[in-house]
């Protein structure tokens, strides 16, 4: 069966004056229609760069230096810019962290939604307004007719993010990439937005790549997970399996750092050290300076991402058997 999205050995580099830096180092994963995948890791792991690479929005001096991105069987890295633009925002939509960076403050919501639709489809303004109304209803915006005439500053943060999701849904995309969509929101609104995304993916059969550092959010929404570290995938598999029985020491550290994993009144667990910068990724396993179980191979040999069970679990660690 052909996957909706297939990323094979993707490599992204940044060409700087003092040399090239590798931000994404040979990652591979797939996404099927209606499937939900979480890309997880600390800041600097390469999650957002992966999302931008899929829709060819890597800004110079960054560029895709290797690998393949297949969407509906088409090689996106080899398509002309016009063809990629037709897919981006039409077949693939992206939801960003901050809705105020996405929405134009001087245009009404209605204008932004109808212009988006008319850029991708040959329809009248009235047809575009009707579709926009339907999408606002779908994301549970009350009084959508009135809301279309309002400006972004007239909405709360949670409402703005719902509007951004409605805009992402305008063209009935097959896939949505959501890059930390709840970071700027308080906890109760976060839960509402994630419930909404889950509901929409299930009702529309839309594929979702959820980029986040929050394992709690991933466990509620996604079916599969890929844990990233320093531009590589450290562990991947079914979300329930990885959360309940993490195999890679980095994944174990992330789960132990969750507040709900400790007893009340005790200190939060934390992984010692920090994610390495692109200029100082250590040799061998990039995680070895922070790892509690490192061995002699870890500081010289790069571990391969290999299967560890029959449930599609993949782990890149010399010490995991």
C-alpha atoms as a PDB file:
ATOM      1  CA  UNK A   1       0.000   0.000   0.000  1.00  0.00           C
ATOM      2  CA  UNK A   2       1.285   3.460  -0.932  1.00  0.00           C
ATOM      3  CA  UNK A   3       1.797   5.788   2.031  1.00  0.00           C
ATOM      4  CA  UNK A   4       0.330   9.280   2.008  1.00  0.00           C
ATOM      5  CA  UNK A   5       3.764  10.630   3.005  1.00  0.00           C
ATOM      6  CA  UNK A   6       7.097   8.848   2.923  1.00  0.00           C
ATOM      7  CA  UNK A   7      10.268  10.528   4.176  1.00  0.00           C
ATOM      8  CA  UNK A   8      13.427   8.575   3.328  1.00  0.00           C
ATOM      9  CA  UNK A   9      16.898   9.421   4.663  1.00  0.00           C
ATOM     10  CA  UNK A  10      16.094  13.142   4.765  1.00  0.00           C
ATOM     11  CA  UNK A  11      19.098  15.395   5.273  1.00  0.00           C
ATOM     12  CA  UNK A  12      18.960  19.178   5.766  1.00  0.00           C
ATOM     13  CA  UNK A  13      22.064  21.356   5.940  1.00  0.00           C
ATOM     14  CA  UNK A  14      22.820  25.015   6.511  1.00  0.00           C
ATOM     15  CA  UNK A  15      25.638  26.475   4.405  1.00  0.00           C
ATOM     16  CA  UNK A  16      27.437  29.055   6.547  1.00  0.00           C
ATOM     17  CA  UNK A  17      30.651  31.010   6.024  1.00  0.00           C
ATOM     18  CA  UNK A  18      32.694  28.713   8.249  1.00  0.00           C
ATOM     19  CA  UNK A  19      31.268  25.496   6.782  1.00  0.00           C
ATOM     20  CA  UNK A  20      28.136  23.391   6.538  1.00  0.00           C
ATOM     21  CA  UNK A  21      26.052  22.327   9.533  1.00  0.00           C
ATOM     22  CA  UNK A  22      23.768  19.286   9.434  1.00  0.00           C
ATOM     23  CA  UNK A  23      20.409  19.977  11.071  1.00  0.00           C
ATOM     24  CA  UNK A  24      18.616  16.784   9.947  1.00  0.00           C
ATOM     25  CA  UNK A  25      20.793  13.721   9.562  1.00  0.00           C
ATOM     26  CA  UNK A  26      19.130  10.925   7.597  1.00  0.00           C
ATOM     27  CA  UNK A  27      15.679  10.516   9.165  1.00  0.00           C
ATOM     28  CA  UNK A  28      12.946   8.272   7.732  1.00  0.00           C
ATOM     29  CA  UNK A  29       9.253   7.822   8.580  1.00  0.00           C
ATOM     30  CA  UNK A  30       5.870   7.332   6.918  1.00  0.00           C
ATOM     31  CA  UNK A  31       2.359   8.681   7.406  1.00  0.00           C
ATOM     32  CA  UNK A  32      -0.824   7.065   6.095  1.00  0.00           C
ATOM     33  CA  UNK A  33      -4.139   8.746   5.340  1.00  0.00           C
ATOM     34  CA  UNK A  34      -5.906   9.583   8.606  1.00  0.00           C
ATOM     35  CA  UNK A  35      -2.875   8.572  10.705  1.00  0.00           C
ATOM     36  CA  UNK A  36      -1.492  10.768  13.497  1.00  0.00           C
ATOM     37  CA  UNK A  37       2.271  10.929  14.109  1.00  0.00           C
ATOM     38  CA  UNK A  38       4.035  12.852  16.877  1.00  0.00           C
ATOM     39  CA  UNK A  39       7.545  14.281  16.388  1.00  0.00           C
ATOM     40  CA  UNK A  40       8.905  14.795  19.901  1.00  0.00           C
ATOM     41  CA  UNK A  41      12.075  16.143  21.451  1.00  0.00           C
ATOM     42  CA  UNK A  42      13.691  19.116  23.172  1.00  0.00           C
ATOM     43  CA  UNK A  43      14.287  22.441  21.414  1.00  0.00           C
ATOM     44  CA  UNK A  44      17.017  22.005  18.806  1.00  0.00           C
ATOM     45  CA  UNK A  45      16.183  18.369  18.037  1.00  0.00           C
ATOM     46  CA  UNK A  46      15.203  19.216  14.446  1.00  0.00           C
ATOM     47  CA  UNK A  47      11.427  18.746  14.696  1.00  0.00           C
ATOM     48  CA  UNK A  48      10.351  22.048  13.130  1.00  0.00           C
ATOM     49  CA  UNK A  49      13.054  21.880  10.442  1.00  0.00           C
ATOM     50  CA  UNK A  50      11.619  18.489   9.452  1.00  0.00           C
ATOM     51  CA  UNK A  51       8.128  20.011   9.148  1.00  0.00           C
ATOM     52  CA  UNK A  52       9.403  22.929   7.057  1.00  0.00           C
ATOM     53  CA  UNK A  53      11.416  20.580   4.838  1.00  0.00           C
ATOM     54  CA  UNK A  54       8.301  18.535   3.996  1.00  0.00           C
ATOM     55  CA  UNK A  55       6.563  21.601   2.533  1.00  0.00           C
ATOM     56  CA  UNK A  56       9.805  23.024   1.099  1.00  0.00           C
ATOM     57  CA  UNK A  57       9.866  26.107   3.323  1.00  0.00           C
ATOM     58  CA  UNK A  58      13.504  25.850   4.416  1.00  0.00           C
ATOM     59  CA  UNK A  59      14.961  29.361   4.234  1.00  0.00           C
ATOM     60  CA  UNK A  60      18.442  29.983   2.866  1.00  0.00           C
ATOM     61  CA  UNK A  61      21.166  29.261   3.826  1.00  0.00           C
ATOM     62  CA  UNK A  62      19.320  26.027   4.667  1.00  0.00           C
ATOM     63  CA  UNK A  63      18.640  23.448   1.972  1.00  0.00           C
ATOM     64  CA  UNK A  64      17.615  19.804   1.572  1.00  0.00           C
ATOM     65  CA  UNK A  65      20.937  18.087   0.900  1.00  0.00           C
ATOM     66  CA  UNK A  66      19.772  14.495   0.578  1.00  0.00           C
ATOM     67  CA  UNK A  67      16.976  11.966   0.791  1.00  0.00           C
ATOM     68  CA  UNK A  68      13.428  11.823  -0.567  1.00  0.00           C
ATOM     69  CA  UNK A  69      10.037  13.261   0.405  1.00  0.00           C
ATOM     70  CA  UNK A  70       7.208  11.428  -1.348  1.00  0.00           C
ATOM     71  CA  UNK A  71       3.654  12.764  -1.027  1.00  0.00           C
ATOM     72  CA  UNK A  72       0.957  10.740  -2.802  1.00  0.00           C
ATOM     73  CA  UNK A  73       3.814   9.109  -4.693  1.00  0.00           C
ATOM     74  CA  UNK A  74       5.222  12.438  -5.947  1.00  0.00           C
ATOM     75  CA  UNK A  75       8.816  13.386  -5.135  1.00  0.00           C
ATOM     76  CA  UNK A  76       8.378  16.852  -3.563  1.00  0.00           C
ATOM     77  CA  UNK A  77      12.095  17.686  -3.598  1.00  0.00           C
ATOM     78  CA  UNK A  78      12.156  17.416  -7.410  1.00  0.00           C
ATOM     79  CA  UNK A  79       8.949  19.276  -8.264  1.00  0.00           C
ATOM     80  CA  UNK A  80       9.151  22.817  -9.739  1.00  0.00           C
ATOM     81  CA  UNK A  81       8.344  25.628  -7.252  1.00  0.00           C
ATOM     82  CA  UNK A  82       4.861  26.261  -8.754  1.00  0.00           C
ATOM     83  CA  UNK A  83       3.871  22.603  -8.303  1.00  0.00           C
ATOM     84  CA  UNK A  84       5.101  22.628  -4.684  1.00  0.00           C
ATOM     85  CA  UNK A  85       3.120  25.831  -4.017  1.00  0.00           C
ATOM     86  CA  UNK A  86       0.018  24.123  -5.386  1.00  0.00           C
ATOM     87  CA  UNK A  87       0.457  21.251  -2.904  1.00  0.00           C
ATOM     88  CA  UNK A  88       1.447  23.514   0.007  1.00  0.00           C
ATOM     89  CA  UNK A  89      -1.647  25.104   1.542  1.00  0.00           C
ATOM     90  CA  UNK A  90      -3.870  22.990  -0.682  1.00  0.00           C
ATOM     91  CA  UNK A  91      -3.086  19.291  -0.132  1.00  0.00           C
ATOM     92  CA  UNK A  92      -0.796  19.920   2.877  1.00  0.00           C
ATOM     93  CA  UNK A  93      -1.585  22.635   5.458  1.00  0.00           C
ATOM     94  CA  UNK A  94       0.562  23.864   8.333  1.00  0.00           C
ATOM     95  CA  UNK A  95      -0.494  25.261  11.708  1.00  0.00           C
ATOM     96  CA  UNK A  96       2.151  27.368  13.449  1.00  0.00           C
ATOM     97  CA  UNK A  97       2.880  28.072  17.129  1.00  0.00           C
ATOM     98  CA  UNK A  98       1.685  31.665  17.341  1.00  0.00           C
ATOM     99  CA  UNK A  99      -1.632  32.497  15.655  1.00  0.00           C
ATOM    100  CA  UNK A 100      -0.828  36.240  15.704  1.00  0.00           C
ATOM    101  CA  UNK A 101       2.175  35.513  13.445  1.00  0.00           C
ATOM    102  CA  UNK A 102      -0.122  33.640  11.047  1.00  0.00           C
ATOM    103  CA  UNK A 103      -3.067  36.046  10.923  1.00  0.00           C
ATOM    104  CA  UNK A 104      -2.820  39.470   9.274  1.00  0.00           C
ATOM    105  CA  UNK A 105      -3.787  42.077  11.918  1.00  0.00           C
ATOM    106  CA  UNK A 106      -5.169  44.597   9.396  1.00  0.00           C
ATOM    107  CA  UNK A 107      -7.529  42.245   7.523  1.00  0.00           C
ATOM    108  CA  UNK A 108     -10.786  40.775   8.776  1.00  0.00           C
ATOM    109  CA  UNK A 109     -10.973  37.024   9.343  1.00  0.00           C
ATOM    110  CA  UNK A 110     -13.448  36.782   6.447  1.00  0.00           C
ATOM    111  CA  UNK A 111     -11.075  38.523   4.023  1.00  0.00           C
ATOM    112  CA  UNK A 112      -8.175  36.281   5.018  1.00  0.00           C
ATOM    113  CA  UNK A 113     -10.232  33.103   4.649  1.00  0.00           C
ATOM    114  CA  UNK A 114     -11.851  34.024   1.304  1.00  0.00           C
ATOM    115  CA  UNK A 115      -8.544  35.206  -0.200  1.00  0.00           C
ATOM    116  CA  UNK A 116      -6.887  31.938   0.848  1.00  0.00           C
ATOM    117  CA  UNK A 117      -9.640  29.917  -0.826  1.00  0.00           C
ATOM    118  CA  UNK A 118      -9.716  32.007  -3.998  1.00  0.00           C
ATOM    119  CA  UNK A 119      -5.932  31.670  -4.351  1.00  0.00           C
ATOM    120  CA  UNK A 120      -6.283  27.882  -4.517  1.00  0.00           C
ATOM    121  CA  UNK A 121      -9.670  27.417  -6.176  1.00  0.00           C
ATOM    122  CA  UNK A 122     -11.516  28.975  -9.086  1.00  0.00           C
ATOM    123  CA  UNK A 123     -14.629  30.006  -7.108  1.00  0.00           C
ATOM    124  CA  UNK A 124     -16.643  33.177  -6.489  1.00  0.00           C
ATOM    125  CA  UNK A 125     -16.319  35.303  -3.360  1.00  0.00           C
ATOM    126  CA  UNK A 126     -19.795  34.206  -2.220  1.00  0.00           C
ATOM    127  CA  UNK A 127     -18.851  30.512  -2.541  1.00  0.00           C
ATOM    128  CA  UNK A 128     -15.633  31.199  -0.628  1.00  0.00           C
ATOM    129  CA  UNK A 129     -17.576  32.927   2.164  1.00  0.00           C
ATOM    130  CA  UNK A 130     -19.938  29.961   2.466  1.00  0.00           C
ATOM    131  CA  UNK A 131     -17.014  27.524   2.743  1.00  0.00           C
ATOM    132  CA  UNK A 132     -15.352  29.806   5.332  1.00  0.00           C
ATOM    133  CA  UNK A 133     -18.558  29.856   7.399  1.00  0.00           C
ATOM    134  CA  UNK A 134     -18.733  26.071   7.297  1.00  0.00           C
ATOM    135  CA  UNK A 135     -15.130  25.720   8.493  1.00  0.00           C
ATOM    136  CA  UNK A 136     -15.658  28.179  11.368  1.00  0.00           C
ATOM    137  CA  UNK A 137     -18.664  26.100  12.450  1.00  0.00           C
ATOM    138  CA  UNK A 138     -16.534  22.953  12.208  1.00  0.00           C
ATOM    139  CA  UNK A 139     -14.006  24.375  14.696  1.00  0.00           C
ATOM    140  CA  UNK A 140     -16.864  25.433  17.039  1.00  0.00           C
ATOM    141  CA  UNK A 141     -16.598  29.217  16.626  1.00  0.00           C
ATOM    142  CA  UNK A 142     -19.905  30.727  17.866  1.00  0.00           C
ATOM    143  CA  UNK A 143     -21.785  33.246  15.653  1.00  0.00           C
ATOM    144  CA  UNK A 144     -19.518  32.634  12.631  1.00  0.00           C
ATOM    145  CA  UNK A 145     -21.337  35.173  10.400  1.00  0.00           C
ATOM    146  CA  UNK A 146     -20.451  37.971  12.839  1.00  0.00           C
ATOM    147  CA  UNK A 147     -16.934  36.636  13.440  1.00  0.00           C
ATOM    148  CA  UNK A 148     -16.050  36.808   9.732  1.00  0.00           C
ATOM    149  CA  UNK A 149     -16.293  40.616   9.938  1.00  0.00           C
ATOM    150  CA  UNK A 150     -13.964  40.887  12.945  1.00  0.00           C
ATOM    151  CA  UNK A 151     -10.189  41.389  13.172  1.00  0.00           C
ATOM    152  CA  UNK A 152      -7.678  39.015  14.879  1.00  0.00           C
ATOM    153  CA  UNK A 153      -7.191  41.300  17.918  1.00  0.00           C
ATOM    154  CA  UNK A 154     -10.900  40.906  18.747  1.00  0.00           C
ATOM    155  CA  UNK A 155     -10.425  37.200  19.545  1.00  0.00           C
ATOM    156  CA  UNK A 156      -8.858  35.403  22.508  1.00  0.00           C
ATOM    157  CA  UNK A 157      -5.702  33.288  21.986  1.00  0.00           C
ATOM    158  CA  UNK A 158      -7.675  30.048  21.908  1.00  0.00           C
ATOM    159  CA  UNK A 159     -10.210  31.464  19.435  1.00  0.00           C
ATOM    160  CA  UNK A 160      -7.384  32.733  17.199  1.00  0.00           C
ATOM    161  CA  UNK A 161      -5.854  29.265  17.120  1.00  0.00           C
ATOM    162  CA  UNK A 162      -9.242  27.790  16.188  1.00  0.00           C
ATOM    163  CA  UNK A 163      -9.416  30.262  13.297  1.00  0.00           C
ATOM    164  CA  UNK A 164      -5.908  29.232  12.176  1.00  0.00           C
ATOM    165  CA  UNK A 165      -7.096  25.595  12.203  1.00  0.00           C
ATOM    166  CA  UNK A 166     -10.209  26.611  10.211  1.00  0.00           C
ATOM    167  CA  UNK A 167      -7.933  28.306   7.623  1.00  0.00           C
ATOM    168  CA  UNK A 168      -5.786  25.158   7.474  1.00  0.00           C
ATOM    169  CA  UNK A 169      -8.943  23.146   6.735  1.00  0.00           C
ATOM    170  CA  UNK A 170     -10.278  25.467   4.007  1.00  0.00           C
ATOM    171  CA  UNK A 171      -8.933  23.441   1.085  1.00  0.00           C
ATOM    172  CA  UNK A 172      -9.763  20.027   2.638  1.00  0.00           C
ATOM    173  CA  UNK A 173      -6.092  19.015   2.917  1.00  0.00           C
ATOM    174  CA  UNK A 174      -5.023  15.383   3.095  1.00  0.00           C
ATOM    175  CA  UNK A 175      -2.397  16.234   5.711  1.00  0.00           C
ATOM    176  CA  UNK A 176      -1.811  18.855   8.413  1.00  0.00           C
ATOM    177  CA  UNK A 177       1.541  19.659  10.019  1.00  0.00           C
ATOM    178  CA  UNK A 178       0.931  21.249  13.439  1.00  0.00           C
ATOM    179  CA  UNK A 179       4.075  22.889  14.864  1.00  0.00           C
ATOM    180  CA  UNK A 180       3.653  23.315  18.641  1.00  0.00           C
ATOM    181  CA  UNK A 181       0.043  24.503  18.096  1.00  0.00           C
ATOM    182  CA  UNK A 182      -0.721  25.019  21.794  1.00  0.00           C
ATOM    183  CA  UNK A 183       2.526  26.505  23.156  1.00  0.00           C
ATOM    184  CA  UNK A 184       1.139  30.042  23.609  1.00  0.00           C
ATOM    185  CA  UNK A 185      -2.101  28.873  25.271  1.00  0.00           C
ATOM    186  CA  UNK A 186      -3.027  28.035  28.860  1.00  0.00           C
ATOM    187  CA  UNK A 187      -3.518  24.414  29.864  1.00  0.00           C
ATOM    188  CA  UNK A 188      -7.315  24.197  29.602  1.00  0.00           C
ATOM    189  CA  UNK A 189      -7.337  25.842  26.158  1.00  0.00           C
ATOM    190  CA  UNK A 190      -4.473  23.541  25.084  1.00  0.00           C
ATOM    191  CA  UNK A 191      -6.641  20.515  25.866  1.00  0.00           C
ATOM    192  CA  UNK A 192      -9.562  21.969  23.880  1.00  0.00           C
ATOM    193  CA  UNK A 193      -7.387  22.643  20.808  1.00  0.00           C
ATOM    194  CA  UNK A 194      -5.874  19.135  20.893  1.00  0.00           C
ATOM    195  CA  UNK A 195      -9.339  17.569  21.270  1.00  0.00           C
ATOM    196  CA  UNK A 196     -10.456  19.641  18.283  1.00  0.00           C
ATOM    197  CA  UNK A 197      -7.506  18.509  16.137  1.00  0.00           C
ATOM    198  CA  UNK A 198      -8.162  14.886  17.065  1.00  0.00           C
ATOM    199  CA  UNK A 199     -11.870  15.226  16.275  1.00  0.00           C
ATOM    200  CA  UNK A 200     -11.136  16.831  12.889  1.00  0.00           C
ATOM    201  CA  UNK A 201      -8.544  14.221  11.904  1.00  0.00           C
ATOM    202  CA  UNK A 202     -10.994  11.422  12.684  1.00  0.00           C
ATOM    203  CA  UNK A 203     -14.003  13.038  10.961  1.00  0.00           C
ATOM    204  CA  UNK A 204     -12.086  14.250   7.865  1.00  0.00           C
ATOM    205  CA  UNK A 205      -9.636  11.292   7.647  1.00  0.00           C
ATOM    206  CA  UNK A 206      -6.784  13.823   7.616  1.00  0.00           C
ATOM    207  CA  UNK A 207      -3.205  12.787   8.329  1.00  0.00           C
ATOM    208  CA  UNK A 208      -1.516  14.752  11.141  1.00  0.00           C
ATOM    209  CA  UNK A 209       2.118  15.372  12.026  1.00  0.00           C
ATOM    210  CA  UNK A 210       2.146  16.918  15.501  1.00  0.00           C
ATOM    211  CA  UNK A 211       5.441  18.624  16.375  1.00  0.00           C
ATOM    212  CA  UNK A 212       5.805  19.121  20.126  1.00  0.00           C
ATOM    213  CA  UNK A 213       8.053  18.790  23.156  1.00  0.00           C
ATOM    214  CA  UNK A 214       5.057  17.730  25.277  1.00  0.00           C
ATOM    215  CA  UNK A 215       4.823  13.951  25.670  1.00  0.00           C
ATOM    216  CA  UNK A 216       1.532  14.336  27.527  1.00  0.00           C
ATOM    217  CA  UNK A 217      -0.094  15.938  24.454  1.00  0.00           C
ATOM    218  CA  UNK A 218       1.380  13.285  22.144  1.00  0.00           C
ATOM    219  CA  UNK A 219       0.026  10.445  24.266  1.00  0.00           C
ATOM    220  CA  UNK A 220      -3.516  11.856  23.989  1.00  0.00           C
ATOM    221  CA  UNK A 221      -3.569  12.587  20.253  1.00  0.00           C
ATOM    222  CA  UNK A 222      -1.151  10.463  18.201  1.00  0.00           C
ATOM    223  CA  UNK A 223      -1.030   6.815  17.201  1.00  0.00           C
ATOM    224  CA  UNK A 224       2.689   6.736  16.405  1.00  0.00           C
ATOM    225  CA  UNK A 225       5.647   8.662  17.743  1.00  0.00           C
ATOM    226  CA  UNK A 226       9.188   9.493  16.637  1.00  0.00           C
ATOM    227  CA  UNK A 227      11.510  10.832  19.347  1.00  0.00           C
ATOM    228  CA  UNK A 228      14.183  13.099  17.830  1.00  0.00           C
ATOM    229  CA  UNK A 229      17.577  14.044  19.204  1.00  0.00           C
ATOM    230  CA  UNK A 230      20.219  16.206  17.475  1.00  0.00           C
ATOM    231  CA  UNK A 231      18.723  15.765  14.003  1.00  0.00           C
ATOM    232  CA  UNK A 232      18.185  12.005  14.193  1.00  0.00           C
ATOM    233  CA  UNK A 233      15.399   9.685  15.357  1.00  0.00           C
ATOM    234  CA  UNK A 234      16.354   8.045  18.663  1.00  0.00           C
ATOM    235  CA  UNK A 235      13.223   5.891  19.017  1.00  0.00           C
ATOM    236  CA  UNK A 236       9.971   5.360  17.147  1.00  0.00           C
ATOM    237  CA  UNK A 237       6.939   3.118  17.345  1.00  0.00           C
ATOM    238  CA  UNK A 238       3.320   3.035  18.464  1.00  0.00           C
ATOM    239  CA  UNK A 239       2.704   5.841  20.971  1.00  0.00           C
ATOM    240  CA  UNK A 240       1.237   3.562  23.663  1.00  0.00           C
ATOM    241  CA  UNK A 241       4.221   1.203  23.445  1.00  0.00           C
ATOM    242  CA  UNK A 242       6.838   3.962  23.588  1.00  0.00           C
ATOM    243  CA  UNK A 243       5.165   5.869  26.444  1.00  0.00           C
ATOM    244  CA  UNK A 244       4.478   2.762  28.560  1.00  0.00           C
ATOM    245  CA  UNK A 245       7.820   1.051  27.886  1.00  0.00           C
ATOM    246  CA  UNK A 246      10.471   3.481  26.560  1.00  0.00           C
ATOM    247  CA  UNK A 247      13.625   1.702  25.396  1.00  0.00           C
ATOM    248  CA  UNK A 248      16.031   4.526  24.508  1.00  0.00           C
ATOM    249  CA  UNK A 249      17.625   6.256  27.543  1.00  0.00           C
ATOM    250  CA  UNK A 250      16.678   9.678  26.086  1.00  0.00           C
ATOM    251  CA  UNK A 251      12.998   8.701  25.815  1.00  0.00           C
ATOM    252  CA  UNK A 252      13.164   7.300  29.344  1.00  0.00           C
ATOM    253  CA  UNK A 253      14.590  10.618  30.565  1.00  0.00           C
ATOM    254  CA  UNK A 254      11.845  12.626  28.850  1.00  0.00           C
ATOM    255  CA  UNK A 255       9.111  10.490  30.431  1.00  0.00           C
ATOM    256  CA  UNK A 256      10.715  10.591  33.890  1.00  0.00           C
ATOM    257  CA  UNK A 257      10.805  14.403  33.607  1.00  0.00           C
ATOM    258  CA  UNK A 258       7.003  14.595  33.287  1.00  0.00           C
ATOM    259  CA  UNK A 259       5.452  16.044  36.492  1.00  0.00           C
ATOM    260  CA  UNK A 260       2.949  13.165  36.726  1.00  0.00           C
ATOM    261  CA  UNK A 261       5.773  10.597  36.809  1.00  0.00           C
ATOM    262  CA  UNK A 262       7.043  11.693  40.252  1.00  0.00           C
ATOM    263  CA  UNK A 263       5.580  11.442  43.730  1.00  0.00           C
ATOM    264  CA  UNK A 264       3.974  14.547  45.186  1.00  0.00           C
ATOM    265  CA  UNK A 265       6.452  16.722  47.068  1.00  0.00           C
ATOM    266  CA  UNK A 266       9.576  15.307  45.385  1.00  0.00           C
ATOM    267  CA  UNK A 267      11.871  17.154  42.967  1.00  0.00           C
ATOM    268  CA  UNK A 268      11.274  16.931  39.238  1.00  0.00           C
ATOM    269  CA  UNK A 269      13.590  14.567  37.400  1.00  0.00           C
ATOM    270  CA  UNK A 270      15.688  16.090  34.660  1.00  0.00           C
ATOM    271  CA  UNK A 271      18.126  14.892  32.029  1.00  0.00           C
ATOM    272  CA  UNK A 272      21.586  16.289  32.865  1.00  0.00           C
ATOM    273  CA  UNK A 273      23.186  18.634  30.333  1.00  0.00           C
ATOM    274  CA  UNK A 274      21.658  20.187  27.224  1.00  0.00           C
ATOM    275  CA  UNK A 275      20.852  19.377  23.618  1.00  0.00           C
ATOM    276  CA  UNK A 276      24.100  19.995  21.639  1.00  0.00           C
ATOM    277  CA  UNK A 277      24.150  22.895  19.180  1.00  0.00           C
ATOM    278  CA  UNK A 278      24.684  22.169  15.475  1.00  0.00           C
ATOM    279  CA  UNK A 279      28.295  23.333  15.800  1.00  0.00           C
ATOM    280  CA  UNK A 280      29.119  20.917  18.623  1.00  0.00           C
ATOM    281  CA  UNK A 281      27.335  17.611  17.959  1.00  0.00           C
ATOM    282  CA  UNK A 282      29.571  14.999  19.635  1.00  0.00           C
ATOM    283  CA  UNK A 283      30.998  12.015  17.729  1.00  0.00           C
ATOM    284  CA  UNK A 284      29.393   8.589  18.065  1.00  0.00           C
ATOM    285  CA  UNK A 285      25.967   8.665  19.698  1.00  0.00           C
ATOM    286  CA  UNK A 286      25.039  12.354  20.062  1.00  0.00           C
ATOM    287  CA  UNK A 287      23.294  11.586  23.368  1.00  0.00           C
ATOM    288  CA  UNK A 288      26.287   9.862  25.028  1.00  0.00           C
ATOM    289  CA  UNK A 289      27.548  12.881  27.091  1.00  0.00           C
ATOM    290  CA  UNK A 290      24.145  12.987  28.875  1.00  0.00           C
ATOM    291  CA  UNK A 291      23.509   9.234  29.025  1.00  0.00           C
ATOM    292  CA  UNK A 292      23.573   7.253  32.301  1.00  0.00           C
ATOM    293  CA  UNK A 293      24.189   3.859  30.633  1.00  0.00           C
ATOM    294  CA  UNK A 294      26.808   4.800  28.017  1.00  0.00           C
ATOM    295  CA  UNK A 295      29.472   2.266  27.138  1.00  0.00           C
ATOM    296  CA  UNK A 296      32.786   2.254  25.284  1.00  0.00           C
ATOM    297  CA  UNK A 297      31.197   2.187  21.801  1.00  0.00           C
ATOM    298  CA  UNK A 298      28.909   5.139  22.457  1.00  0.00           C
ATOM    299  CA  UNK A 299      31.464   7.925  22.033  1.00  0.00           C
ATOM    300  CA  UNK A 300      32.873   6.620  18.730  1.00  0.00           C
ATOM    301  CA  UNK A 301      30.205   4.621  16.835  1.00  0.00           C
ATOM    302  CA  UNK A 302      26.919   6.116  15.605  1.00  0.00           C
ATOM    303  CA  UNK A 303      24.102   3.688  16.551  1.00  0.00           C
ATOM    304  CA  UNK A 304      21.799   2.568  13.732  1.00  0.00           C
ATOM    305  CA  UNK A 305      18.022   2.866  14.112  1.00  0.00           C
ATOM    306  CA  UNK A 306      17.015  -0.801  14.134  1.00  0.00           C
ATOM    307  CA  UNK A 307      13.909  -2.844  14.905  1.00  0.00           C
ATOM    308  CA  UNK A 308      13.617  -4.009  18.524  1.00  0.00           C
ATOM    309  CA  UNK A 309      10.278  -5.855  18.451  1.00  0.00           C
ATOM    310  CA  UNK A 310       7.547  -7.034  16.111  1.00  0.00           C
ATOM    311  CA  UNK A 311       5.374  -3.940  16.858  1.00  0.00           C
ATOM    312  CA  UNK A 312       7.393  -1.579  14.629  1.00  0.00           C
ATOM    313  CA  UNK A 313       9.549  -0.368  17.545  1.00  0.00           C
ATOM    314  CA  UNK A 314      12.826   1.146  16.297  1.00  0.00           C
ATOM    315  CA  UNK A 315      15.633   2.213  18.638  1.00  0.00           C
ATOM    316  CA  UNK A 316      19.046   3.766  17.958  1.00  0.00           C
ATOM    317  CA  UNK A 317      21.146   2.674  20.959  1.00  0.00           C
ATOM    318  CA  UNK A 318      24.164   0.379  21.373  1.00  0.00           C
ATOM    319  CA  UNK A 319      23.029  -0.683  24.851  1.00  0.00           C
ATOM    320  CA  UNK A 320      19.424  -1.693  24.026  1.00  0.00           C
ATOM    321  CA  UNK A 321      19.183  -5.342  23.005  1.00  0.00           C
END
